């Protein structure tokens, strides 16, 4: 009986060590961090739509109107390379009238964001059919992503340390780390101030939030 008791006692004492004989414990956590930065570029999304009984006339009218818009934007300080086509469609219609509709969507990059309202006004005055949105963002988000990634990893480590401490373990290393989805950028939607007579449209913009998520598996031992 005494031998049996001694054997069981030795077995119980050996359990913690046996539990880690195959290797350290794994603690998987997700760290998250966001960095707020002031926007330094605006993107205006505009449309030109024309209609005519013949397809050649509808296309010609659309081209002419678009050329006027490009010229007006140039006078407003927008470089030609910052105007880009995003959609183009020619459609034959029979209702409510018969003819061809040509629709052209394009984006305008405004590097001087203080002129976003002025550029929008210039586009509509020159013939833009509609403005489909104005967004503020970052020309280069790499530095913000780098800072957010560093903070996200630190957040993951803090979580792992808390879990390890609660389990009477301590973190000894990292098994794997994954940048989940590469993070994300929340682009603020501008608020438009009502323009007075002969005054340009103005937009109020908030900070751009760059968020990064990292999934980390830590290794821990007693």
Protein backbone atom coordinates (compact mmCIF):
# COMPACT_ATOMS: atom_id res chain seq x y z
CA UNK A 1 0.00 0.00 0.00
CA UNK A 2 2.84 2.34 0.91
CA UNK A 3 4.57 1.66 -2.43
CA UNK A 4 1.34 2.40 -4.32
CA UNK A 5 0.96 5.74 -2.54
CA UNK A 6 4.53 6.74 -3.29
CA UNK A 7 4.05 5.85 -6.96
CA UNK A 8 0.89 7.97 -7.25
CA UNK A 9 2.57 10.91 -5.53
CA UNK A 10 5.51 10.73 -7.92
CA UNK A 11 3.13 10.56 -10.88
CA UNK A 12 1.24 13.67 -9.77
CA UNK A 13 4.46 15.59 -9.32
CA UNK A 14 5.55 14.62 -12.81
CA UNK A 15 2.32 15.74 -14.53
CA UNK A 16 3.27 19.42 -15.03
CA UNK A 17 6.55 18.42 -16.62
CA UNK A 18 4.88 15.72 -18.67
CA UNK A 19 2.29 18.18 -19.92
CA UNK A 20 5.09 20.17 -21.61
CA UNK A 21 7.22 17.21 -22.65
CA UNK A 22 5.92 17.55 -26.22
CA UNK A 23 6.78 21.27 -26.32
CA UNK A 24 5.65 24.66 -24.99
CA UNK A 25 2.02 25.65 -24.71
CA UNK A 26 0.57 27.81 -27.51
CA UNK A 27 -1.35 31.03 -26.89
CA UNK A 28 -3.14 32.47 -29.95
CA UNK A 29 -4.32 36.08 -29.82
CA UNK A 30 -5.28 38.89 -32.21
CA UNK A 31 -3.78 42.32 -31.71
CA UNK A 32 -5.43 45.45 -33.11
CA UNK A 33 -4.25 49.03 -33.43
CA UNK A 34 -5.29 52.18 -35.28
CA UNK A 35 -3.36 55.27 -36.30
CA UNK A 36 -5.15 58.52 -37.17
CA UNK A 37 -3.62 60.81 -39.77
CA UNK A 38 -4.75 63.98 -41.47
CA UNK A 39 -5.77 63.38 -45.12
CA UNK A 40 -3.55 64.85 -47.81
CA UNK A 41 -5.49 64.01 -50.97
CA UNK A 42 -9.11 64.20 -52.12
CA UNK A 43 -10.79 62.14 -54.82
CA UNK A 44 -13.81 63.53 -56.64
CA UNK A 45 -15.91 60.98 -58.55
CA UNK A 46 -17.84 62.54 -61.41
CA UNK A 47 -20.02 61.52 -64.36
CA UNK A 48 -20.82 62.83 -67.83
CA UNK A 49 -23.92 61.52 -69.57
CA UNK A 50 -25.18 62.45 -73.03
CA UNK A 51 -28.09 61.33 -75.21
CA UNK A 52 -28.67 61.57 -78.96
CA UNK A 53 -30.68 59.81 -81.66
CA UNK A 54 -27.48 58.52 -83.28
CA UNK A 55 -24.65 56.76 -81.54
CA UNK A 56 -22.01 58.90 -83.23
CA UNK A 57 -23.68 62.10 -82.04
CA UNK A 58 -24.06 60.81 -78.48
CA UNK A 59 -20.38 59.84 -78.35
CA UNK A 60 -19.27 63.10 -79.95
CA UNK A 61 -21.31 65.16 -77.46
CA UNK A 62 -19.88 63.16 -74.56
CA UNK A 63 -16.32 63.59 -75.80
CA UNK A 64 -16.78 67.33 -76.26
CA UNK A 65 -18.26 67.81 -72.81
CA UNK A 66 -15.53 65.71 -71.21
CA UNK A 67 -12.83 67.73 -72.98
CA UNK A 68 -14.35 70.94 -71.60
CA UNK A 69 -14.29 69.48 -68.10
CA UNK A 70 -10.64 68.41 -68.42
CA UNK A 71 -9.71 71.91 -69.62
CA UNK A 72 -11.58 73.51 -66.70
CA UNK A 73 -9.90 71.19 -64.23
CA UNK A 74 -6.52 72.10 -65.67
CA UNK A 75 -7.25 75.76 -64.99
CA UNK A 76 -8.19 74.77 -61.44
CA UNK A 77 -4.75 73.25 -60.97
CA UNK A 78 -5.49 69.55 -61.58
CA UNK A 79 -2.83 67.71 -63.58
CA UNK A 80 -4.05 65.70 -66.59
CA UNK A 81 -2.58 62.53 -65.12
CA UNK A 82 -4.79 62.95 -62.03
CA UNK A 83 -7.97 62.52 -64.09
CA UNK A 84 -8.74 58.86 -64.72
CA UNK A 85 -11.56 56.98 -66.47
CA UNK A 86 -13.33 54.46 -64.21
CA UNK A 87 -16.36 53.47 -66.34
CA UNK A 88 -17.61 53.97 -69.90
CA UNK A 89 -20.86 52.70 -71.39
CA UNK A 90 -22.85 53.16 -74.60
CA UNK A 91 -26.46 52.00 -74.32
CA UNK A 92 -29.30 51.88 -76.86
CA UNK A 93 -32.68 52.82 -75.40
CA UNK A 94 -36.25 52.64 -76.65
CA UNK A 95 -38.09 53.95 -73.58
CA UNK A 96 -39.05 56.64 -72.80
CA UNK A 97 -37.29 57.80 -75.97
CA UNK A 98 -35.33 56.08 -78.69
CA UNK A 99 -31.64 56.77 -78.98
CA UNK A 100 -28.23 56.25 -77.43
CA UNK A 101 -27.02 57.16 -73.96
CA UNK A 102 -23.29 57.48 -73.37
CA UNK A 103 -22.16 57.45 -69.75
CA UNK A 104 -18.61 58.16 -68.60
CA UNK A 105 -17.46 57.97 -64.96
CA UNK A 106 -14.10 59.41 -63.99
CA UNK A 107 -12.13 60.26 -60.87
CA UNK A 108 -10.28 63.48 -60.13
CA UNK A 109 -7.36 63.37 -57.71
CA UNK A 110 -7.01 66.68 -55.86
CA UNK A 111 -3.59 66.92 -54.22
CA UNK A 112 -4.38 70.27 -52.65
CA UNK A 113 -7.36 69.10 -50.60
CA UNK A 114 -8.29 72.64 -49.73
CA UNK A 115 -9.36 73.02 -53.37
CA UNK A 116 -11.66 69.97 -53.41
CA UNK A 117 -14.78 72.13 -53.40
CA UNK A 118 -13.38 74.44 -56.06
CA UNK A 119 -12.52 71.47 -58.28
CA UNK A 120 -16.01 70.02 -57.80
CA UNK A 121 -17.57 73.32 -58.82
CA UNK A 122 -15.30 73.55 -61.87
CA UNK A 123 -16.33 70.08 -63.02
CA UNK A 124 -20.06 70.75 -62.71
CA UNK A 125 -19.79 74.20 -64.30
CA UNK A 126 -17.98 72.70 -67.30
CA UNK A 127 -20.63 70.04 -67.88
CA UNK A 128 -20.36 67.18 -65.39
CA UNK A 129 -23.76 65.53 -65.10
CA UNK A 130 -23.27 64.41 -61.50
CA UNK A 131 -20.77 64.21 -58.65
CA UNK A 132 -20.91 60.71 -57.20
CA UNK A 133 -18.85 61.30 -54.08
CA UNK A 134 -15.84 63.08 -52.62
CA UNK A 135 -13.43 61.09 -50.46
CA UNK A 136 -10.39 62.16 -48.47
CA UNK A 137 -7.43 59.85 -48.00
CA UNK A 138 -3.66 59.43 -47.94
CA UNK A 139 -1.28 59.53 -50.88
CA UNK A 140 0.96 57.06 -49.06
CA UNK A 141 -0.35 55.06 -46.10
CA UNK A 142 2.78 52.93 -45.64
CA UNK A 143 4.16 54.86 -42.64
CA UNK A 144 0.79 54.78 -40.89
CA UNK A 145 0.46 51.04 -41.59
CA UNK A 146 3.94 50.45 -40.22
CA UNK A 147 3.17 52.29 -36.99
CA UNK A 148 -0.21 50.55 -36.62
CA UNK A 149 1.42 47.16 -37.22
CA UNK A 150 3.98 47.78 -34.48
CA UNK A 151 1.26 48.79 -32.06
CA UNK A 152 -0.89 45.78 -33.01
CA UNK A 153 1.99 43.38 -32.27
CA UNK A 154 2.51 45.10 -28.91
CA UNK A 155 -1.21 44.71 -28.18
CA UNK A 156 -0.99 41.00 -29.01
CA UNK A 157 1.97 40.56 -26.67
CA UNK A 158 0.13 42.30 -23.82
CA UNK A 159 -2.80 39.92 -24.26
CA UNK A 160 -0.53 36.88 -24.39
CA UNK A 161 1.28 37.97 -21.21
CA UNK A 162 -2.03 38.34 -19.37
CA UNK A 163 -3.20 34.90 -20.46
CA UNK A 164 0.15 33.30 -19.63
CA UNK A 165 0.22 34.92 -16.19
CA UNK A 166 -3.28 33.66 -15.42
CA UNK A 167 -2.15 30.14 -16.35
CA UNK A 168 1.10 30.45 -14.34
CA UNK A 169 3.18 30.47 -17.53
CA UNK A 170 5.52 32.93 -19.18
CA UNK A 171 5.93 33.73 -22.87
CA UNK A 172 9.20 32.50 -24.34
CA UNK A 173 8.75 33.16 -28.05
CA UNK A 174 6.54 33.33 -31.14
CA UNK A 175 5.49 30.37 -33.25
CA UNK A 176 3.71 32.30 -36.00
CA UNK A 177 2.48 35.76 -36.87
CA UNK A 178 0.06 36.80 -39.59
CA UNK A 179 -1.00 40.23 -40.78
CA UNK A 180 -4.72 39.63 -41.08
CA UNK A 181 -5.95 41.03 -44.35
CA UNK A 182 -3.22 43.68 -44.48
CA UNK A 183 -5.22 46.06 -42.29
CA UNK A 184 -7.74 48.63 -43.44
CA UNK A 185 -8.16 52.33 -44.04
CA UNK A 186 -11.31 54.15 -43.01
CA UNK A 187 -11.82 57.07 -45.36
CA UNK A 188 -13.82 59.95 -43.87
CA UNK A 189 -16.89 61.20 -45.67
CA UNK A 190 -16.76 64.99 -46.04
CA UNK A 191 -19.43 67.36 -44.81
CA UNK A 192 -20.39 69.94 -47.39
CA UNK A 193 -20.93 73.50 -46.28
CA UNK A 194 -23.74 75.31 -48.03
CA UNK A 195 -22.20 77.63 -50.59
CA UNK A 196 -23.29 81.24 -50.69
CA UNK A 197 -23.78 83.16 -53.92
CA UNK A 198 -20.55 83.14 -55.98
CA UNK A 199 -18.70 81.30 -53.17
CA UNK A 200 -17.05 77.94 -53.88
CA UNK A 201 -18.27 74.73 -52.29
CA UNK A 202 -16.30 73.80 -49.18
CA UNK A 203 -15.81 70.41 -47.52
CA UNK A 204 -14.95 69.59 -43.93
CA UNK A 205 -12.87 66.43 -43.52
CA UNK A 206 -11.81 64.39 -40.51
CA UNK A 207 -8.79 62.18 -39.87
CA UNK A 208 -8.09 59.01 -41.84
CA UNK A 209 -7.91 55.95 -39.57
CA UNK A 210 -5.48 53.21 -40.57
CA UNK A 211 -6.23 49.95 -38.72
CA UNK A 212 -4.11 46.80 -38.62
CA UNK A 213 -4.94 43.37 -37.18
CA UNK A 214 -2.28 40.75 -36.46
CA UNK A 215 -2.83 37.14 -35.41
CA UNK A 216 0.03 35.84 -33.29
CA UNK A 217 0.65 32.44 -31.74
CA UNK A 218 3.00 32.71 -28.76
CA UNK A 219 4.88 29.91 -27.02
CA UNK A 220 4.78 29.67 -23.24
CA UNK A 221 6.25 27.45 -20.53
CA UNK A 222 5.89 27.25 -16.72
